[in-house]
Amino acid sequence: MYRMATPWQPSPKKLRDEVVVFAVGDIHGYVEQLRELRAFIQSEIDENPDYQYKIVYLGDYIDRGPHS
C-alpha cells in the first residue's frame, strides 16, 4: 500500500479573532444529523451576530446512510 505523510506544520495564516469556522466532516448520507448540526450552528450564529462565520464541509457526503 502506498502511504504519503508530511510533517505537521502550523498554519501560515492566522484567522482574525472575529472569525469562527465550523468544519463538518463525513456526513455519509445522514441528513437528519446534518439538520441537527445546522440548527446548532445557526443558534450559535444567532447568539453571536458580531462574528463572521464560515462553514466548511469535508469528507464523504454520501455512503452508508439512508439519504445517500
Protein backbone atom coordinates (compact mmCIF):
# COMPACT_ATOMS: atom_id res chain seq x y z
CA MET A 1 0.00 0.00 0.00
CA TYR A 2 1.24 3.49 -0.82
CA ARG A 3 1.23 5.92 2.06
CA MET A 4 2.05 9.59 1.95
CA ALA A 5 2.74 11.64 5.05
CA THR A 6 4.03 15.11 5.66
CA PRO A 7 5.20 16.59 8.94
CA TRP A 8 2.73 18.76 10.83
CA GLN A 9 3.19 22.47 10.29
CA PRO A 10 1.35 25.39 11.83
CA SER A 11 -1.00 27.27 9.58
CA PRO A 12 0.80 30.01 7.66
CA LYS A 13 -2.16 32.32 8.21
CA LYS A 14 -4.00 33.05 11.44
CA LEU A 15 -7.70 33.82 11.40
CA ARG A 16 -8.87 37.09 12.83
CA ASP A 17 -10.39 36.84 16.31
CA GLU A 18 -13.87 37.68 14.97
CA VAL A 19 -13.91 34.76 12.51
CA VAL A 20 -15.42 31.41 13.54
CA VAL A 21 -15.03 28.34 11.33
CA PHE A 22 -17.18 25.24 11.64
CA ALA A 23 -15.64 22.21 9.93
CA VAL A 24 -18.12 19.42 9.20
CA GLY A 25 -16.71 16.09 8.10
CA ASP A 26 -18.06 12.84 6.72
CA ILE A 27 -21.82 13.34 6.52
CA HIS A 28 -22.23 9.88 4.94
CA GLY A 29 -25.85 10.48 3.93
CA TYR A 30 -27.15 11.11 7.45
CA VAL A 31 -29.28 14.13 6.64
CA GLU A 32 -31.15 14.25 9.98
CA GLN A 33 -27.91 14.58 11.95
CA LEU A 34 -26.77 17.22 9.48
CA ARG A 35 -30.00 19.16 10.06
CA GLU A 36 -29.44 18.99 13.82
CA LEU A 37 -25.89 20.22 13.40
CA ARG A 38 -27.01 23.05 11.10
CA ALA A 39 -29.61 24.09 13.69
CA PHE A 40 -26.89 24.17 16.35
CA ILE A 41 -24.62 26.23 14.11
CA GLN A 42 -27.48 28.62 13.33
CA SER A 43 -28.18 29.07 17.06
CA GLU A 44 -24.51 29.96 17.60
CA ILE A 45 -24.71 32.49 14.77
CA ASP A 46 -27.93 33.98 16.14
CA GLU A 47 -26.46 34.29 19.65
CA ASN A 48 -23.21 35.91 18.45
CA PRO A 49 -24.03 38.10 15.45
CA ASP A 50 -20.85 40.17 15.71
CA TYR A 51 -18.67 37.33 14.47
CA GLN A 52 -18.07 36.26 10.88
CA TYR A 53 -18.89 32.61 10.26
CA LYS A 54 -17.65 30.11 7.72
CA ILE A 55 -18.89 26.54 7.36
CA VAL A 56 -16.57 24.09 5.63
CA TYR A 57 -17.73 20.63 4.57
CA LEU A 58 -15.08 17.91 4.36
CA GLY A 59 -15.10 14.22 3.68
CA ASP A 60 -17.83 11.98 2.31
CA TYR A 61 -21.27 13.41 1.60
CA ILE A 62 -22.76 10.06 0.61
CA ASP A 63 -22.09 6.47 1.62
CA ARG A 64 -23.75 4.19 4.13
CA GLY A 65 -26.51 6.49 5.37
CA PRO A 66 -30.18 6.39 4.43
CA HIS A 67 -30.06 9.61 2.38
CA SER A 68 -27.02 8.97 0.23
